[in-house]
Amino acid sequence: MEEYPPLFGEGQKRSVTASALSKETLKAGTENTVWAKQVAQDKKLFAGHGPEVRDYAKAFIHAKLVASGAGSGDAGDIINGDLIVAITDSDQRRVFASHVVGNLGDLADALEDDRTSRPIMAALAPYAMPGRYLEFRILPSPGSGGVELDPAESDARLYYSEVSV
């Protein structure tokens, strides 16, 4: 996946907030899906929205993900690792494309910044076609393996875009 300028003006911007994430116990050494949306037959989805140019950007993101206290972490512990966006097949087994959105530590720190100083999640190609899934995944750092994600206590705003076919 990579930034793709022709998509910068396309699609309806959709938010993914922490409350939409799954309460998952993160397995070390593997990508753990924490949000997935199957693409409807009359739609196409792509990660991000708008351009990377800060003056025109439309998708300023942050993700402060914390542990629930179940599993190996204490309640409120910050989850570390990488946040990844992926396009998978209809069984969510085969990855067609993926992209590291950012380091979760940096994305957690971004919550303290002014909105327009946060990292930007510009439009990324390719599209997720009908029947496939667009997913957000966490590849936890070794210290965050075994921790259960607590969506209710986390704070995140990520983006994808939806296009009618």
Protein backbone atom coordinates (compact mmCIF):
# COMPACT_ATOMS: atom_id res chain seq x y z
CA MET A 1 0.00 0.00 0.00
CA GLU A 2 1.16 3.50 -0.72
CA GLU A 3 -0.13 7.04 -0.89
CA TYR A 4 -2.00 7.55 -4.13
CA PRO A 5 -2.77 11.17 -5.14
CA PRO A 6 -5.72 10.30 -7.47
CA LEU A 7 -7.58 9.04 -4.35
CA PHE A 8 -7.02 12.26 -2.39
CA GLY A 9 -10.33 13.76 -3.50
CA GLU A 10 -12.31 10.51 -3.57
CA GLY A 11 -14.70 8.79 -1.25
CA GLN A 12 -16.61 9.52 1.91
CA LYS A 13 -14.40 9.84 4.99
CA ARG A 14 -15.28 7.32 7.70
CA SER A 15 -13.91 7.25 11.26
CA VAL A 16 -12.79 4.29 13.31
CA THR A 17 -12.75 5.19 16.99
CA ALA A 18 -11.51 3.15 19.95
CA SER A 19 -15.04 2.04 20.82
CA ALA A 20 -15.22 0.21 17.45
CA LEU A 21 -12.12 -1.87 18.21
CA SER A 22 -12.32 -5.47 19.44
CA LYS A 23 -11.39 -6.50 22.95
CA GLU A 24 -8.55 -8.79 21.88
CA THR A 25 -5.72 -10.50 23.73
CA LEU A 26 -2.65 -9.66 21.66
CA LYS A 27 -0.39 -12.52 20.65
CA ALA A 28 3.30 -11.65 20.43
CA GLY A 29 5.01 -12.10 17.07
CA THR A 30 1.80 -11.94 15.02
CA GLU A 31 -0.52 -9.29 13.62
CA ASN A 32 -3.73 -9.18 15.66
CA THR A 33 -6.87 -7.88 13.94
CA VAL A 34 -8.62 -5.34 16.18
CA TRP A 35 -11.04 -3.91 13.60
CA ALA A 36 -12.37 -5.33 10.33
CA LYS A 37 -15.01 -4.26 7.84
CA GLN A 38 -16.16 -6.44 5.00
CA VAL A 39 -16.65 -4.47 1.80
CA ALA A 40 -20.26 -4.41 0.60
CA GLN A 41 -21.02 -5.51 -2.98
CA ASP A 42 -21.76 -1.94 -4.09
CA LYS A 43 -18.71 -0.32 -2.42
CA LYS A 44 -14.93 -0.11 -2.47
CA LEU A 45 -12.90 0.91 0.58
CA PHE A 46 -9.42 2.31 0.95
CA ALA A 47 -7.33 3.27 3.98
CA GLY A 48 -6.96 6.91 4.95
CA HIS A 49 -8.51 9.99 3.42
CA GLY A 50 -7.25 13.01 1.54
CA PRO A 51 -3.73 14.31 1.00
CA GLU A 52 -0.61 14.22 3.15
CA VAL A 53 -0.06 17.98 2.73
CA ARG A 54 -0.75 19.38 6.20
CA ASP A 55 -2.56 22.52 4.94
CA TYR A 56 -5.10 20.38 3.05
CA ALA A 57 -5.07 17.18 5.14
CA LYS A 58 -8.36 15.71 6.30
CA ALA A 59 -7.27 12.67 8.33
CA PHE A 60 -5.30 13.60 11.47
CA ILE A 61 -4.95 10.46 13.58
CA HIS A 62 -4.05 9.28 17.07
CA ALA A 63 -4.27 5.95 18.90
CA LYS A 64 -3.70 5.61 22.62
CA LEU A 65 -4.50 1.94 23.14
CA VAL A 66 -4.46 0.57 26.68
CA ALA A 67 -4.67 -2.76 28.45
CA SER A 68 -7.78 -3.94 30.28
CA GLY A 69 -5.94 -5.63 33.14
CA ALA A 70 -6.86 -9.10 31.90
CA GLY A 71 -3.99 -11.02 30.39
CA SER A 72 -0.39 -10.10 31.16
CA GLY A 73 -0.79 -6.32 31.55
CA ASP A 74 -2.17 -4.04 34.22
CA ALA A 75 -5.26 -1.95 33.56
CA GLY A 76 -4.30 1.27 31.79
CA ASP A 77 -0.89 0.08 30.55
CA ILE A 78 -0.08 1.60 27.16
CA ILE A 79 0.10 -1.01 24.38
CA ASN A 80 3.27 -0.73 22.30
CA GLY A 81 3.98 -2.03 18.83
CA ASP A 82 2.96 -1.15 15.29
CA LEU A 83 -0.46 -0.28 13.94
CA ILE A 84 -1.02 -1.82 10.52
CA VAL A 85 -3.79 -1.44 7.96
CA ALA A 86 -4.41 -4.44 5.68
CA ILE A 87 -6.64 -5.67 2.90
CA THR A 88 -7.51 -9.35 3.27
CA ASP A 89 -9.54 -11.94 1.40
CA SER A 90 -13.14 -12.88 2.23
CA ASP A 91 -11.93 -15.40 4.84
CA GLN A 92 -9.53 -12.89 6.45
CA ARG A 93 -6.64 -15.30 5.93
CA ARG A 94 -4.69 -14.00 2.94
CA VAL A 95 -3.25 -10.48 3.04
CA PHE A 96 -3.33 -8.75 -0.35
CA ALA A 97 -1.76 -5.47 0.80
CA SER A 98 -0.63 -3.92 4.07
CA HIS A 99 0.96 -0.76 5.39
CA VAL A 100 2.42 0.25 8.76
CA VAL A 101 0.38 3.27 9.84
CA GLY A 102 2.76 4.06 12.68
CA ASN A 103 4.27 3.15 16.00
CA LEU A 104 1.65 2.96 18.75
CA GLY A 105 3.86 4.89 21.18
CA ASP A 106 4.10 7.79 18.73
CA LEU A 107 0.37 7.59 17.95
CA ALA A 108 -0.40 7.67 21.69
CA ASP A 109 1.82 10.73 22.16
CA ALA A 110 -0.04 12.43 19.30
CA LEU A 111 -3.15 12.64 21.48
CA GLU A 112 -1.41 15.43 23.43
CA ASP A 113 -0.73 17.44 20.25
CA ASP A 114 -3.06 19.95 18.63
CA ARG A 115 -5.32 18.12 16.17
CA THR A 116 -3.56 19.55 13.11
CA SER A 117 -0.12 18.62 14.49
CA ARG A 118 -1.00 14.90 14.72
CA PRO A 119 0.16 12.34 12.15
CA ILE A 120 -1.78 12.28 8.88
CA MET A 121 -3.28 9.13 7.38
CA ALA A 122 -3.46 10.05 3.70
CA ALA A 123 -5.36 7.97 1.14
CA LEU A 124 -3.61 4.67 0.43
CA ALA A 125 -4.04 2.50 -2.65
CA PRO A 126 -5.18 -0.10 -3.56
CA TYR A 127 -8.91 -0.34 -2.98
CA ALA A 128 -10.39 -3.17 -0.94
CA MET A 129 -12.83 -4.71 -3.41
CA PRO A 130 -16.32 -6.12 -2.65
CA GLY A 131 -16.26 -9.21 -0.44
CA ARG A 132 -12.79 -8.49 0.94
CA TYR A 133 -11.94 -6.91 4.30
CA LEU A 134 -10.22 -3.72 5.33
CA GLU A 135 -8.57 -4.27 8.71
CA PHE A 136 -6.60 -2.48 11.39
CA ARG A 137 -4.11 -4.77 13.10
CA ILE A 138 -1.64 -4.54 15.96
CA LEU A 139 1.80 -6.15 15.87
CA PRO A 140 2.64 -5.86 19.57
CA SER A 141 6.13 -5.24 20.85
CA PRO A 142 7.44 -8.10 23.02
CA GLY A 143 6.34 -6.38 26.25
CA SER A 144 2.75 -6.01 25.00
CA GLY A 145 2.25 -9.64 23.99
CA GLY A 146 -0.45 -11.28 26.11
CA VAL A 147 -2.11 -7.95 26.95
CA GLU A 148 -5.85 -7.56 26.38
CA LEU A 149 -6.88 -4.39 24.51
CA ASP A 150 -9.51 -2.36 26.35
CA PRO A 151 -11.50 -0.37 23.76
CA ALA A 152 -13.58 1.36 26.46
CA GLU A 153 -10.53 2.98 28.07
CA SER A 154 -8.57 3.56 24.87
CA ASP A 155 -8.73 6.68 22.71
CA ALA A 156 -8.25 6.48 18.94
CA ARG A 157 -9.36 8.09 15.70
CA LEU A 158 -8.33 6.42 12.45
CA TYR A 159 -9.78 6.78 8.96
CA TYR A 160 -10.82 4.92 5.86
CA SER A 161 -12.80 6.02 2.82
CA GLU A 162 -15.81 4.51 1.10
CA VAL A 163 -16.58 4.77 -2.63
CA SER A 164 -19.80 3.63 -4.30
CA VAL A 165 -19.25 1.35 -7.29
